[in-house]
Amino acid sequence: MKAFAVYTAGRVLVFAGVAALLFAVGLRGFVLVMAALLVSLPVSYVLLARVRADFAADVERRVSARRTRRQDLRSKLRGDDEPA
């Protein structure tokens, strides 16, 4: 969950930084928000590549662990682990 928090905080900070720059340029209101969203997407894609990769690896580890636990439980329920 730490990777998720770091990635989310990074996305928010990139958006806020872009919005502050656009505000300084003179954009206001709805146009400011929409422009900040459109500009922050590619910027965060580049700047947060490593953080995004860490987040994806964390998700993959959790999915793999859950899959392994589910297979172990199914095996036990079928009786595969009982001695012959």
PDB file of N, CA and C in Angstrom:
ATOM      1  N   MET A   1       0.811  -1.187   0.000  1.00  0.00           N
ATOM      2  CA  MET A   1       0.000   0.000   0.000  1.00  0.00           C
ATOM      3  C   MET A   1       0.858   1.256   0.000  1.00  0.00           C
ATOM      4  N   LYS A   2       2.094   1.130   0.445  1.00  0.00           N
ATOM      5  CA  LYS A   2       2.974   2.293   0.452  1.00  0.00           C
ATOM      6  C   LYS A   2       3.224   2.780  -0.975  1.00  0.00           C
ATOM      7  N   ALA A   3       3.419   1.851  -1.897  1.00  0.00           N
ATOM      8  CA  ALA A   3       3.667   2.229  -3.284  1.00  0.00           C
ATOM      9  C   ALA A   3       2.479   2.988  -3.855  1.00  0.00           C
ATOM     10  N   PHE A   4       1.267   2.568  -3.503  1.00  0.00           N
ATOM     11  CA  PHE A   4       0.066   3.265  -3.957  1.00  0.00           C
ATOM     12  C   PHE A   4       0.028   4.689  -3.422  1.00  0.00           C
ATOM     13  N   ALA A   5       0.337   4.854  -2.143  1.00  0.00           N
ATOM     14  CA  ALA A   5       0.321   6.185  -1.534  1.00  0.00           C
ATOM     15  C   ALA A   5       1.368   7.094  -2.164  1.00  0.00           C
ATOM     16  N   VAL A   6       2.548   6.556  -2.415  1.00  0.00           N
ATOM     17  CA  VAL A   6       3.612   7.354  -3.026  1.00  0.00           C
ATOM     18  C   VAL A   6       3.230   7.767  -4.442  1.00  0.00           C
ATOM     19  N   TYR A   7       2.677   6.841  -5.214  1.00  0.00           N
ATOM     20  CA  TYR A   7       2.279   7.147  -6.578  1.00  0.00           C
ATOM     21  C   TYR A   7       1.153   8.185  -6.611  1.00  0.00           C
ATOM     22  N   THR A   8       0.163   8.008  -5.745  1.00  0.00           N
ATOM     23  CA  THR A   8      -0.956   8.944  -5.687  1.00  0.00           C
ATOM     24  C   THR A   8      -0.486  10.334  -5.262  1.00  0.00           C
ATOM     25  N   ALA A   9       0.373  10.390  -4.264  1.00  0.00           N
ATOM     26  CA  ALA A   9       0.907  11.682  -3.827  1.00  0.00           C
ATOM     27  C   ALA A   9       1.710  12.340  -4.946  1.00  0.00           C
ATOM     28  N   GLY A  10       2.467  11.561  -5.678  1.00  0.00           N
ATOM     29  CA  GLY A  10       3.226  12.098  -6.802  1.00  0.00           C
ATOM     30  C   GLY A  10       2.319  12.666  -7.870  1.00  0.00           C
ATOM     31  N   ARG A  11       1.243  11.953  -8.191  1.00  0.00           N
ATOM     32  CA  ARG A  11       0.294  12.454  -9.194  1.00  0.00           C
ATOM     33  C   ARG A  11      -0.348  13.756  -8.746  1.00  0.00           C
ATOM     34  N   VAL A  12      -0.717  13.838  -7.466  1.00  0.00           N
ATOM     35  CA  VAL A  12      -1.331  15.059  -6.943  1.00  0.00           C
ATOM     36  C   VAL A  12      -0.336  16.216  -6.975  1.00  0.00           C
ATOM     37  N   LEU A  13       0.902  15.946  -6.602  1.00  0.00           N
ATOM     38  CA  LEU A  13       1.919  17.005  -6.617  1.00  0.00           C
ATOM     39  C   LEU A  13       2.213  17.496  -8.030  1.00  0.00           C
ATOM     40  N   VAL A  14       2.270  16.591  -8.983  1.00  0.00           N
ATOM     41  CA  VAL A  14       2.492  16.996 -10.377  1.00  0.00           C
ATOM     42  C   VAL A  14       1.323  17.851 -10.852  1.00  0.00           C
ATOM     43  N   PHE A  15       0.110  17.430 -10.553  1.00  0.00           N
ATOM     44  CA  PHE A  15      -1.067  18.217 -10.944  1.00  0.00           C
ATOM     45  C   PHE A  15      -1.029  19.600 -10.304  1.00  0.00           C
ATOM     46  N   ALA A  16      -0.719  19.651  -9.014  1.00  0.00           N
ATOM     47  CA  ALA A  16      -0.684  20.941  -8.322  1.00  0.00           C
ATOM     48  C   ALA A  16       0.408  21.843  -8.887  1.00  0.00           C
ATOM     49  N   GLY A  17       1.552  21.263  -9.200  1.00  0.00           N
ATOM     50  CA  GLY A  17       2.631  22.059  -9.785  1.00  0.00           C
ATOM     51  C   GLY A  17       2.271  22.621 -11.148  1.00  0.00           C
ATOM     52  N   VAL A  18       1.672  21.792 -11.970  1.00  0.00           N
ATOM     53  CA  VAL A  18       1.250  22.247 -13.302  1.00  0.00           C
ATOM     54  C   VAL A  18       0.153  23.299 -13.164  1.00  0.00           C
ATOM     55  N   ALA A  19      -0.782  23.078 -12.251  1.00  0.00           N
ATOM     56  CA  ALA A  19      -1.858  24.050 -12.040  1.00  0.00           C
ATOM     57  C   ALA A  19      -1.294  25.381 -11.557  1.00  0.00           C
ATOM     58  N   ALA A  20      -0.300  25.345 -10.683  1.00  0.00           N
ATOM     59  CA  ALA A  20       0.313  26.588 -10.198  1.00  0.00           C
ATOM     60  C   ALA A  20       0.999  27.335 -11.339  1.00  0.00           C
ATOM     61  N   LEU A  21       1.685  26.607 -12.202  1.00  0.00           N
ATOM     62  CA  LEU A  21       2.328  27.253 -13.354  1.00  0.00           C
ATOM     63  C   LEU A  21       1.297  27.867 -14.300  1.00  0.00           C
ATOM     64  N   LEU A  22       0.230  27.138 -14.555  1.00  0.00           N
ATOM     65  CA  LEU A  22      -0.814  27.662 -15.437  1.00  0.00           C
ATOM     66  C   LEU A  22      -1.556  28.829 -14.801  1.00  0.00           C
ATOM     67  N   PHE A  23      -1.704  28.804 -13.489  1.00  0.00           N
ATOM     68  CA  PHE A  23      -2.317  29.927 -12.781  1.00  0.00           C
ATOM     69  C   PHE A  23      -1.452  31.173 -12.924  1.00  0.00           C
ATOM     70  N   ALA A  24      -0.127  30.990 -12.813  1.00  0.00           N
ATOM     71  CA  ALA A  24       0.799  32.117 -12.968  1.00  0.00           C
ATOM     72  C   ALA A  24       0.755  32.685 -14.386  1.00  0.00           C
ATOM     73  N   VAL A  25       0.449  31.818 -15.354  1.00  0.00           N
ATOM     74  CA  VAL A  25       0.353  32.265 -16.749  1.00  0.00           C
ATOM     75  C   VAL A  25      -0.934  33.058 -16.965  1.00  0.00           C
ATOM     76  N   GLY A  26      -1.958  32.789 -16.148  1.00  0.00           N
ATOM     77  CA  GLY A  26      -3.183  33.562 -16.270  1.00  0.00           C
ATOM     78  C   GLY A  26      -4.449  32.757 -16.451  1.00  0.00           C
ATOM     79  N   LEU A  27      -4.349  31.443 -16.473  1.00  0.00           N
ATOM     80  CA  LEU A  27      -5.559  30.630 -16.606  1.00  0.00           C
ATOM     81  C   LEU A  27      -6.309  30.600 -15.274  1.00  0.00           C
ATOM     82  N   ARG A  28      -7.630  30.534 -15.366  1.00  0.00           N
ATOM     83  CA  ARG A  28      -8.452  30.508 -14.157  1.00  0.00           C
ATOM     84  C   ARG A  28      -9.627  29.555 -14.358  1.00  0.00           C
ATOM     85  N   GLY A  29     -10.205  29.119 -13.269  1.00  0.00           N
ATOM     86  CA  GLY A  29     -11.444  28.365 -13.262  1.00  0.00           C
ATOM     87  C   GLY A  29     -11.362  27.009 -13.928  1.00  0.00           C
ATOM     88  N   PHE A  30     -12.436  26.682 -14.636  1.00  0.00           N
ATOM     89  CA  PHE A  30     -12.572  25.379 -15.274  1.00  0.00           C
ATOM     90  C   PHE A  30     -11.478  25.132 -16.307  1.00  0.00           C
ATOM     91  N   VAL A  31     -11.116  26.173 -17.037  1.00  0.00           N
ATOM     92  CA  VAL A  31     -10.062  26.041 -18.054  1.00  0.00           C
ATOM     93  C   VAL A  31      -8.736  25.675 -17.384  1.00  0.00           C
ATOM     94  N   LEU A  32      -8.456  26.260 -16.235  1.00  0.00           N
ATOM     95  CA  LEU A  32      -7.232  25.940 -15.490  1.00  0.00           C
ATOM     96  C   LEU A  32      -7.210  24.474 -15.094  1.00  0.00           C
ATOM     97  N   VAL A  33      -8.305  23.981 -14.547  1.00  0.00           N
ATOM     98  CA  VAL A  33      -8.366  22.582 -14.092  1.00  0.00           C
ATOM     99  C   VAL A  33      -8.205  21.623 -15.270  1.00  0.00           C
ATOM    100  N   MET A  34      -8.922  21.885 -16.349  1.00  0.00           N
ATOM    101  CA  MET A  34      -8.849  20.993 -17.512  1.00  0.00           C
ATOM    102  C   MET A  34      -7.458  21.015 -18.152  1.00  0.00           C
ATOM    103  N   ALA A  35      -6.873  22.191 -18.278  1.00  0.00           N
ATOM    104  CA  ALA A  35      -5.535  22.294 -18.856  1.00  0.00           C
ATOM    105  C   ALA A  35      -4.512  21.615 -17.953  1.00  0.00           C
ATOM    106  N   ALA A  36      -4.650  21.792 -16.652  1.00  0.00           N
ATOM    107  CA  ALA A  36      -3.735  21.145 -15.711  1.00  0.00           C
ATOM    108  C   ALA A  36      -3.847  19.627 -15.799  1.00  0.00           C
ATOM    109  N   LEU A  37      -5.061  19.111 -15.940  1.00  0.00           N
ATOM    110  CA  LEU A  37      -5.242  17.664 -16.099  1.00  0.00           C
ATOM    111  C   LEU A  37      -4.571  17.166 -17.379  1.00  0.00           C
ATOM    112  N   LEU A  38      -4.811  17.866 -18.472  1.00  0.00           N
ATOM    113  CA  LEU A  38      -4.258  17.431 -19.758  1.00  0.00           C
ATOM    114  C   LEU A  38      -2.734  17.506 -19.791  1.00  0.00           C
ATOM    115  N   VAL A  39      -2.162  18.520 -19.171  1.00  0.00           N
ATOM    116  CA  VAL A  39      -0.702  18.668 -19.181  1.00  0.00           C
ATOM    117  C   VAL A  39      -0.055  17.734 -18.159  1.00  0.00           C
ATOM    118  N   SER A  40      -0.697  17.531 -17.009  1.00  0.00           N
ATOM    119  CA  SER A  40      -0.088  16.723 -15.957  1.00  0.00           C
ATOM    120  C   SER A  40      -0.043  15.237 -16.304  1.00  0.00           C
ATOM    121  N   LEU A  41      -0.933  14.770 -17.163  1.00  0.00           N
ATOM    122  CA  LEU A  41      -0.913  13.348 -17.532  1.00  0.00           C
ATOM    123  C   LEU A  41       0.401  12.922 -18.173  1.00  0.00           C
ATOM    124  N   PRO A  42       0.845  13.554 -19.259  1.00  0.00           N
ATOM    125  CA  PRO A  42       2.129  13.117 -19.835  1.00  0.00           C
ATOM    126  C   PRO A  42       3.334  13.449 -18.956  1.00  0.00           C
ATOM    127  N   VAL A  43       3.231  14.548 -18.210  1.00  0.00           N
ATOM    128  CA  VAL A  43       4.346  14.911 -17.327  1.00  0.00           C
ATOM    129  C   VAL A  43       4.513  13.854 -16.237  1.00  0.00           C
ATOM    130  N   SER A  44       3.413  13.434 -15.625  1.00  0.00           N
ATOM    131  CA  SER A  44       3.517  12.416 -14.576  1.00  0.00           C
ATOM    132  C   SER A  44       3.910  11.064 -15.158  1.00  0.00           C
ATOM    133  N   TYR A  45       3.517  10.784 -16.394  1.00  0.00           N
ATOM    134  CA  TYR A  45       3.915   9.536 -17.045  1.00  0.00           C
ATOM    135  C   TYR A  45       5.432   9.441 -17.134  1.00  0.00           C
ATOM    136  N   VAL A  46       6.079  10.555 -17.434  1.00  0.00           N
ATOM    137  CA  VAL A  46       7.536  10.579 -17.553  1.00  0.00           C
ATOM    138  C   VAL A  46       8.199  10.651 -16.178  1.00  0.00           C
ATOM    139  N   LEU A  47       7.735  11.571 -15.341  1.00  0.00           N
ATOM    140  CA  LEU A  47       8.399  11.791 -14.050  1.00  0.00           C
ATOM    141  C   LEU A  47       8.184  10.668 -13.046  1.00  0.00           C
ATOM    142  N   LEU A  48       7.065   9.990 -13.132  1.00  0.00           N
ATOM    143  CA  LEU A  48       6.738   8.957 -12.142  1.00  0.00           C
ATOM    144  C   LEU A  48       6.888   7.542 -12.685  1.00  0.00           C
ATOM    145  N   ALA A  49       7.696   7.355 -13.708  1.00  0.00           N
ATOM    146  CA  ALA A  49       7.846   6.036 -14.326  1.00  0.00           C
ATOM    147  C   ALA A  49       8.367   4.999 -13.318  1.00  0.00           C
ATOM    148  N   ARG A  50       9.371   5.353 -12.561  1.00  0.00           N
ATOM    149  CA  ARG A  50       9.946   4.404 -11.599  1.00  0.00           C
ATOM    150  C   ARG A  50       8.947   4.087 -10.483  1.00  0.00           C
ATOM    151  N   VAL A  51       8.267   5.108  -9.995  1.00  0.00           N
ATOM    152  CA  VAL A  51       7.278   4.899  -8.932  1.00  0.00           C
ATOM    153  C   VAL A  51       6.137   4.028  -9.445  1.00  0.00           C
ATOM    154  N   ARG A  52       5.706   4.253 -10.678  1.00  0.00           N
ATOM    155  CA  ARG A  52       4.643   3.455 -11.274  1.00  0.00           C
ATOM    156  C   ARG A  52       5.085   1.996 -11.433  1.00  0.00           C
ATOM    157  N   ALA A  53       6.333   1.789 -11.807  1.00  0.00           N
ATOM    158  CA  ALA A  53       6.859   0.425 -11.939  1.00  0.00           C
ATOM    159  C   ALA A  53       6.902  -0.269 -10.578  1.00  0.00           C
ATOM    160  N   ASP A  54       7.297   0.454  -9.538  1.00  0.00           N
ATOM    161  CA  ASP A  54       7.294  -0.119  -8.190  1.00  0.00           C
ATOM    162  C   ASP A  54       5.881  -0.482  -7.750  1.00  0.00           C
ATOM    163  N   PHE A  55       4.938   0.396  -8.061  1.00  0.00           N
ATOM    164  CA  PHE A  55       3.536   0.146  -7.719  1.00  0.00           C
ATOM    165  C   PHE A  55       3.028  -1.094  -8.446  1.00  0.00           C
ATOM    166  N   ALA A  56       3.336  -1.211  -9.738  1.00  0.00           N
ATOM    167  CA  ALA A  56       2.902  -2.369 -10.521  1.00  0.00           C
ATOM    168  C   ALA A  56       3.529  -3.654  -9.981  1.00  0.00           C
ATOM    169  N   ALA A  57       4.796  -3.600  -9.595  1.00  0.00           N
ATOM    170  CA  ALA A  57       5.461  -4.780  -9.032  1.00  0.00           C
ATOM    171  C   ALA A  57       4.824  -5.172  -7.704  1.00  0.00           C
ATOM    172  N   ASP A  58       4.457  -4.193  -6.902  1.00  0.00           N
ATOM    173  CA  ASP A  58       3.801  -4.464  -5.626  1.00  0.00           C
ATOM    174  C   ASP A  58       2.444  -5.132  -5.852  1.00  0.00           C
ATOM    175  N   VAL A  59       1.689  -4.635  -6.799  1.00  0.00           N
ATOM    176  CA  VAL A  59       0.394  -5.234  -7.121  1.00  0.00           C
ATOM    177  C   VAL A  59       0.591  -6.669  -7.613  1.00  0.00           C
ATOM    178  N   GLU A  60       1.578  -6.881  -8.469  1.00  0.00           N
ATOM    179  CA  GLU A  60       1.840  -8.223  -8.987  1.00  0.00           C
ATOM    180  C   GLU A  60       2.234  -9.189  -7.873  1.00  0.00           C
ATOM    181  N   ARG A  61       3.048  -8.727  -6.926  1.00  0.00           N
ATOM    182  CA  ARG A  61       3.419  -9.579  -5.778  1.00  0.00           C
ATOM    183  C   ARG A  61       2.190  -9.957  -4.968  1.00  0.00           C
ATOM    184  N   ARG A  62       1.312  -8.997  -4.729  1.00  0.00           N
ATOM    185  CA  ARG A  62       0.120  -9.276  -3.935  1.00  0.00           C
ATOM    186  C   ARG A  62      -0.815 -10.243  -4.656  1.00  0.00           C
ATOM    187  N   VAL A  63      -0.994 -10.067  -5.949  1.00  0.00           N
ATOM    188  CA  VAL A  63      -1.849 -10.957  -6.729  1.00  0.00           C
ATOM    189  C   VAL A  63      -1.265 -12.363  -6.736  1.00  0.00           C
ATOM    190  N   SER A  64       0.038 -12.470  -6.921  1.00  0.00           N
ATOM    191  CA  SER A  64       0.695 -13.773  -6.941  1.00  0.00           C
ATOM    192  C   SER A  64       0.556 -14.474  -5.589  1.00  0.00           C
ATOM    193  N   ALA A  65       0.752 -13.741  -4.506  1.00  0.00           N
ATOM    194  CA  ALA A  65       0.621 -14.330  -3.175  1.00  0.00           C
ATOM    195  C   ALA A  65      -0.813 -14.793  -2.935  1.00  0.00           C
ATOM    196  N   ARG A  66      -1.777 -14.001  -3.353  1.00  0.00           N
ATOM    197  CA  ARG A  66      -3.183 -14.373  -3.176  1.00  0.00           C
ATOM    198  C   ARG A  66      -3.517 -15.604  -4.008  1.00  0.00           C
ATOM    199  N   ARG A  67      -2.992 -15.667  -5.222  1.00  0.00           N
ATOM    200  CA  ARG A  67      -3.235 -16.819  -6.094  1.00  0.00           C
ATOM    201  C   ARG A  67      -2.650 -18.084  -5.464  1.00  0.00           C
ATOM    202  N   THR A  68      -1.441 -17.985  -4.908  1.00  0.00           N
ATOM    203  CA  THR A  68      -0.801 -19.126  -4.268  1.00  0.00           C
ATOM    204  C   THR A  68      -1.607 -19.595  -3.059  1.00  0.00           C
ATOM    205  N   ARG A  69      -2.065 -18.651  -2.234  1.00  0.00           N
ATOM    206  CA  ARG A  69      -2.876 -19.033  -1.068  1.00  0.00           C
ATOM    207  C   ARG A  69      -4.178 -19.715  -1.497  1.00  0.00           C
ATOM    208  N   ARG A  70      -4.799 -19.204  -2.561  1.00  0.00           N
ATOM    209  CA  ARG A  70      -6.047 -19.793  -3.050  1.00  0.00           C
ATOM    210  C   ARG A  70      -5.805 -21.209  -3.566  1.00  0.00           C
ATOM    211  N   GLN A  71      -4.701 -21.418  -4.295  1.00  0.00           N
ATOM    212  CA  GLN A  71      -4.390 -22.759  -4.803  1.00  0.00           C
ATOM    213  C   GLN A  71      -4.087 -23.715  -3.664  1.00  0.00           C
ATOM    214  N   ASP A  72      -3.376 -23.250  -2.643  1.00  0.00           N
ATOM    215  CA  ASP A  72      -3.098 -24.093  -1.478  1.00  0.00           C
ATOM    216  C   ASP A  72      -4.391 -24.486  -0.767  1.00  0.00           C
ATOM    217  N   LEU A  73      -5.295 -23.536  -0.605  1.00  0.00           N
ATOM    218  CA  LEU A  73      -6.559 -23.831   0.060  1.00  0.00           C
ATOM    219  C   LEU A  73      -7.374 -24.833  -0.754  1.00  0.00           C
ATOM    220  N   ARG A  74      -7.442 -24.643  -2.056  1.00  0.00           N
ATOM    221  CA  ARG A  74      -8.183 -25.583  -2.902  1.00  0.00           C
ATOM    222  C   ARG A  74      -7.572 -26.975  -2.839  1.00  0.00           C
ATOM    223  N   SER A  75      -6.261 -27.038  -2.817  1.00  0.00           N
ATOM    224  CA  SER A  75      -5.578 -28.321  -2.719  1.00  0.00           C
ATOM    225  C   SER A  75      -5.910 -29.008  -1.401  1.00  0.00           C
ATOM    226  N   LYS A  76      -5.906 -28.260  -0.310  1.00  0.00           N
ATOM    227  CA  LYS A  76      -6.249 -28.833   0.995  1.00  0.00           C
ATOM    228  C   LYS A  76      -7.699 -29.290   1.038  1.00  0.00           C
ATOM    229  N   LEU A  77      -8.583 -28.507   0.433  1.00  0.00           N
ATOM    230  CA  LEU A  77      -9.998 -28.883   0.436  1.00  0.00           C
ATOM    231  C   LEU A  77     -10.255 -30.134  -0.398  1.00  0.00           C
ATOM    232  N   ARG A  78      -9.485 -30.324  -1.454  1.00  0.00           N
ATOM    233  CA  ARG A  78      -9.620 -31.544  -2.274  1.00  0.00           C
ATOM    234  C   ARG A  78      -9.007 -32.745  -1.586  1.00  0.00           C
ATOM    235  N   GLY A  79      -8.109 -32.499  -0.631  1.00  0.00           N
ATOM    236  CA  GLY A  79      -7.453 -33.599   0.072  1.00  0.00           C
ATOM    237  C   GLY A  79      -6.155 -34.031  -0.572  1.00  0.00           C
ATOM    238  N   ASP A  80      -5.606 -33.205  -1.449  1.00  0.00           N
ATOM    239  CA  ASP A  80      -4.357 -33.539  -2.132  1.00  0.00           C
ATOM    240  C   ASP A  80      -3.181 -33.616  -1.178  1.00  0.00           C
ATOM    241  N   ASP A  81      -3.242 -32.905  -0.066  1.00  0.00           N
ATOM    242  CA  ASP A  81      -2.102 -32.846   0.844  1.00  0.00           C
ATOM    243  C   ASP A  81      -2.136 -33.947   1.911  1.00  0.00           C
ATOM    244  N   GLU A  82      -3.178 -34.765   1.917  1.00  0.00           N
ATOM    245  CA  GLU A  82      -3.266 -35.807   2.915  1.00  0.00           C
ATOM    246  C   GLU A  82      -2.330 -36.956   2.556  1.00  0.00           C
ATOM    247  N   PRO A  83      -1.671 -37.586   3.562  1.00  0.00           N
ATOM    248  CA  PRO A  83      -0.783 -38.705   3.276  1.00  0.00           C
ATOM    249  C   PRO A  83      -1.585 -39.921   2.789  1.00  0.00           C
ATOM    250  N   ALA A  84      -0.975 -40.703   1.923  1.00  0.00           N
ATOM    251  CA  ALA A  84      -1.661 -41.873   1.339  1.00  0.00           C
ATOM    252  C   ALA A  84      -1.606 -43.079   2.234  1.00  0.00           C
TER     253      ALA A  84
END
